[in-house]
C-alpha atoms as a PDB file:
ATOM      1  CA  UNK A   1     -11.035 -15.138   7.542  1.00  0.00           C
ATOM      2  CA  UNK A   2     -14.380 -14.325   6.096  1.00  0.00           C
ATOM      3  CA  UNK A   3     -15.420 -10.709   5.461  1.00  0.00           C
ATOM      4  CA  UNK A   4     -18.342  -9.287   7.179  1.00  0.00           C
ATOM      5  CA  UNK A   5     -21.432  -9.026   4.894  1.00  0.00           C
ATOM      6  CA  UNK A   6     -21.294  -5.250   4.884  1.00  0.00           C
ATOM      7  CA  UNK A   7     -17.681  -5.218   3.699  1.00  0.00           C
ATOM      8  CA  UNK A   8     -18.237  -7.581   0.747  1.00  0.00           C
ATOM      9  CA  UNK A   9     -19.575  -4.848  -1.514  1.00  0.00           C
ATOM     10  CA  UNK A  10     -16.523  -2.679  -0.794  1.00  0.00           C
ATOM     11  CA  UNK A  11     -14.172  -5.634  -1.303  1.00  0.00           C
ATOM     12  CA  UNK A  12     -15.835  -6.475  -4.698  1.00  0.00           C
ATOM     13  CA  UNK A  13     -15.248  -2.804  -5.774  1.00  0.00           C
ATOM     14  CA  UNK A  14     -11.606  -2.788  -5.105  1.00  0.00           C
ATOM     15  CA  UNK A  15     -10.556  -6.430  -5.715  1.00  0.00           C
ATOM     16  CA  UNK A  16     -13.187  -7.604  -8.266  1.00  0.00           C
ATOM     17  CA  UNK A  17     -10.940 -10.476  -9.434  1.00  0.00           C
ATOM     18  CA  UNK A  18     -10.883 -12.101  -6.002  1.00  0.00           C
ATOM     19  CA  UNK A  19     -13.635 -14.212  -4.606  1.00  0.00           C
ATOM     20  CA  UNK A  20     -15.109 -12.194  -1.564  1.00  0.00           C
ATOM     21  CA  UNK A  21     -17.206 -15.129  -0.305  1.00  0.00           C
ATOM     22  CA  UNK A  22     -14.152 -17.278   0.141  1.00  0.00           C
ATOM     23  CA  UNK A  23     -11.610 -16.996   2.980  1.00  0.00           C
ATOM     24  CA  UNK A  24      -9.186 -14.034   2.479  1.00  0.00           C
ATOM     25  CA  UNK A  25      -6.263 -12.971   4.370  1.00  0.00           C
ATOM     26  CA  UNK A  26      -7.477  -9.230   5.181  1.00  0.00           C
ATOM     27  CA  UNK A  27      -9.733  -7.756   7.604  1.00  0.00           C
ATOM     28  CA  UNK A  28     -12.714  -5.467   7.303  1.00  0.00           C
ATOM     29  CA  UNK A  29     -10.477  -2.624   8.600  1.00  0.00           C
ATOM     30  CA  UNK A  30      -7.836  -3.421   5.862  1.00  0.00           C
ATOM     31  CA  UNK A  31     -10.557  -3.434   3.109  1.00  0.00           C
ATOM     32  CA  UNK A  32     -11.732   0.153   4.382  1.00  0.00           C
ATOM     33  CA  UNK A  33      -8.214   1.463   4.290  1.00  0.00           C
ATOM     34  CA  UNK A  34      -7.713   0.091   0.866  1.00  0.00           C
ATOM     35  CA  UNK A  35     -10.935   1.533  -0.425  1.00  0.00           C
ATOM     36  CA  UNK A  36      -9.867   4.995   0.896  1.00  0.00           C
ATOM     37  CA  UNK A  37      -6.186   4.532  -0.518  1.00  0.00           C
ATOM     38  CA  UNK A  38      -7.480   3.415  -3.890  1.00  0.00           C
ATOM     39  CA  UNK A  39      -9.444   6.610  -4.309  1.00  0.00           C
ATOM     40  CA  UNK A  40      -6.041   8.342  -3.720  1.00  0.00           C
ATOM     41  CA  UNK A  41      -4.348   6.207  -6.478  1.00  0.00           C
ATOM     42  CA  UNK A  42      -7.243   7.208  -8.855  1.00  0.00           C
ATOM     43  CA  UNK A  43      -6.672  10.870  -8.082  1.00  0.00           C
ATOM     44  CA  UNK A  44      -2.895  10.577  -8.819  1.00  0.00           C
ATOM     45  CA  UNK A  45      -3.161   8.497 -12.060  1.00  0.00           C
ATOM     46  CA  UNK A  46      -6.561   9.943 -13.006  1.00  0.00           C
ATOM     47  CA  UNK A  47      -7.440   9.533 -16.747  1.00  0.00           C
ATOM     48  CA  UNK A  48      -3.676   9.841 -17.697  1.00  0.00           C
ATOM     49  CA  UNK A  49      -2.777   6.266 -16.790  1.00  0.00           C
ATOM     50  CA  UNK A  50      -5.836   4.260 -15.745  1.00  0.00           C
ATOM     51  CA  UNK A  51      -4.051   0.922 -16.438  1.00  0.00           C
ATOM     52  CA  UNK A  52      -1.210   1.807 -14.014  1.00  0.00           C
ATOM     53  CA  UNK A  53      -3.833   2.384 -11.429  1.00  0.00           C
ATOM     54  CA  UNK A  54      -5.639  -0.917 -12.099  1.00  0.00           C
ATOM     55  CA  UNK A  55      -2.259  -2.742 -11.898  1.00  0.00           C
ATOM     56  CA  UNK A  56      -1.135  -1.129  -8.762  1.00  0.00           C
ATOM     57  CA  UNK A  57      -4.531  -1.976  -7.059  1.00  0.00           C
ATOM     58  CA  UNK A  58      -4.341  -5.567  -8.245  1.00  0.00           C
ATOM     59  CA  UNK A  59      -0.917  -5.769  -6.609  1.00  0.00           C
ATOM     60  CA  UNK A  60      -2.188  -4.445  -3.257  1.00  0.00           C
ATOM     61  CA  UNK A  61      -5.105  -6.670  -3.391  1.00  0.00           C
ATOM     62  CA  UNK A  62      -2.871  -9.620  -3.745  1.00  0.00           C
ATOM     63  CA  UNK A  63      -0.340  -8.495  -1.312  1.00  0.00           C
ATOM     64  CA  UNK A  64      -2.993  -7.683   1.426  1.00  0.00           C
ATOM     65  CA  UNK A  65      -5.689 -10.225   0.851  1.00  0.00           C
ATOM     66  CA  UNK A  66      -4.480 -13.270  -1.054  1.00  0.00           C
ATOM     67  CA  UNK A  67      -4.752 -16.275   1.284  1.00  0.00           C
ATOM     68  CA  UNK A  68      -1.786 -17.879  -0.346  1.00  0.00           C
ATOM     69  CA  UNK A  69       0.429 -14.781   0.250  1.00  0.00           C
ATOM     70  CA  UNK A  70       3.077 -16.973   1.820  1.00  0.00           C
ATOM     71  CA  UNK A  71       3.806 -17.993  -1.787  1.00  0.00           C
ATOM     72  CA  UNK A  72       5.141 -14.551  -2.649  1.00  0.00           C
ATOM     73  CA  UNK A  73       5.702 -12.560   0.635  1.00  0.00           C
ATOM     74  CA  UNK A  74       8.382 -13.446   3.006  1.00  0.00           C
ATOM     75  CA  UNK A  75       8.940 -11.610   6.347  1.00  0.00           C
ATOM     76  CA  UNK A  76      12.628 -10.919   6.628  1.00  0.00           C
ATOM     77  CA  UNK A  77      12.860  -9.201  10.157  1.00  0.00           C
ATOM     78  CA  UNK A  78      11.794  -6.138  12.050  1.00  0.00           C
ATOM     79  CA  UNK A  79      12.881  -2.699  12.467  1.00  0.00           C
ATOM     80  CA  UNK A  80      12.172   0.044  15.037  1.00  0.00           C
ATOM     81  CA  UNK A  81      12.388   3.646  13.713  1.00  0.00           C
ATOM     82  CA  UNK A  82      12.272   6.648  16.178  1.00  0.00           C
ATOM     83  CA  UNK A  83       9.593   9.098  15.567  1.00  0.00           C
ATOM     84  CA  UNK A  84       9.641  12.882  16.148  1.00  0.00           C
ATOM     85  CA  UNK A  85       7.828  12.442  19.382  1.00  0.00           C
ATOM     86  CA  UNK A  86      10.440  10.034  20.708  1.00  0.00           C
ATOM     87  CA  UNK A  87       8.175   6.943  20.341  1.00  0.00           C
ATOM     88  CA  UNK A  88       9.478   4.015  18.364  1.00  0.00           C
ATOM     89  CA  UNK A  89       7.445   2.843  15.464  1.00  0.00           C
ATOM     90  CA  UNK A  90       7.787  -0.962  14.613  1.00  0.00           C
ATOM     91  CA  UNK A  91       8.184  -2.050  11.008  1.00  0.00           C
ATOM     92  CA  UNK A  92       8.167  -5.434   9.468  1.00  0.00           C
ATOM     93  CA  UNK A  93      10.642  -5.911   6.655  1.00  0.00           C
ATOM     94  CA  UNK A  94       9.365  -8.170   3.814  1.00  0.00           C
ATOM     95  CA  UNK A  95      10.510  -9.498   0.488  1.00  0.00           C
ATOM     96  CA  UNK A  96       7.759  -9.435  -2.049  1.00  0.00           C
ATOM     97  CA  UNK A  97       8.250 -11.703  -5.229  1.00  0.00           C
ATOM     98  CA  UNK A  98       6.341 -11.095  -8.314  1.00  0.00           C
ATOM     99  CA  UNK A  99       6.359 -13.014 -11.633  1.00  0.00           C
ATOM    100  CA  UNK A 100       8.238 -11.483 -14.729  1.00  0.00           C
ATOM    101  CA  UNK A 101       4.847 -10.621 -16.402  1.00  0.00           C
ATOM    102  CA  UNK A 102       3.539  -8.815 -13.436  1.00  0.00           C
ATOM    103  CA  UNK A 103       6.728  -6.826 -12.969  1.00  0.00           C
ATOM    104  CA  UNK A 104       6.679  -5.837 -16.719  1.00  0.00           C
ATOM    105  CA  UNK A 105       2.955  -4.818 -16.436  1.00  0.00           C
ATOM    106  CA  UNK A 106       3.705  -2.684 -13.165  1.00  0.00           C
ATOM    107  CA  UNK A 107       6.992  -1.172 -14.127  1.00  0.00           C
END
């Protein structure tokens, strides 16, 4: 899917290594949520560990928006979890594969 023109600037801020004008596998809403959540990552890592924040953001950009995510994300099932209000919340179980170099960088 192509992002809306008004979303491209935000996408370029959070995922500058990806091509915002090419089809991506995330929506405008997901970009807005990531922008908000990435601010939280920055507040946690702050100036103490900026590279950790960059690596984590890159992983989330790839996981959420990479159009070839089927190469490294595999859906393995579903699970329903009861919430405090008695409602059931649906979750998708996934297996997420990353190469050795990325895992060493992240962890």
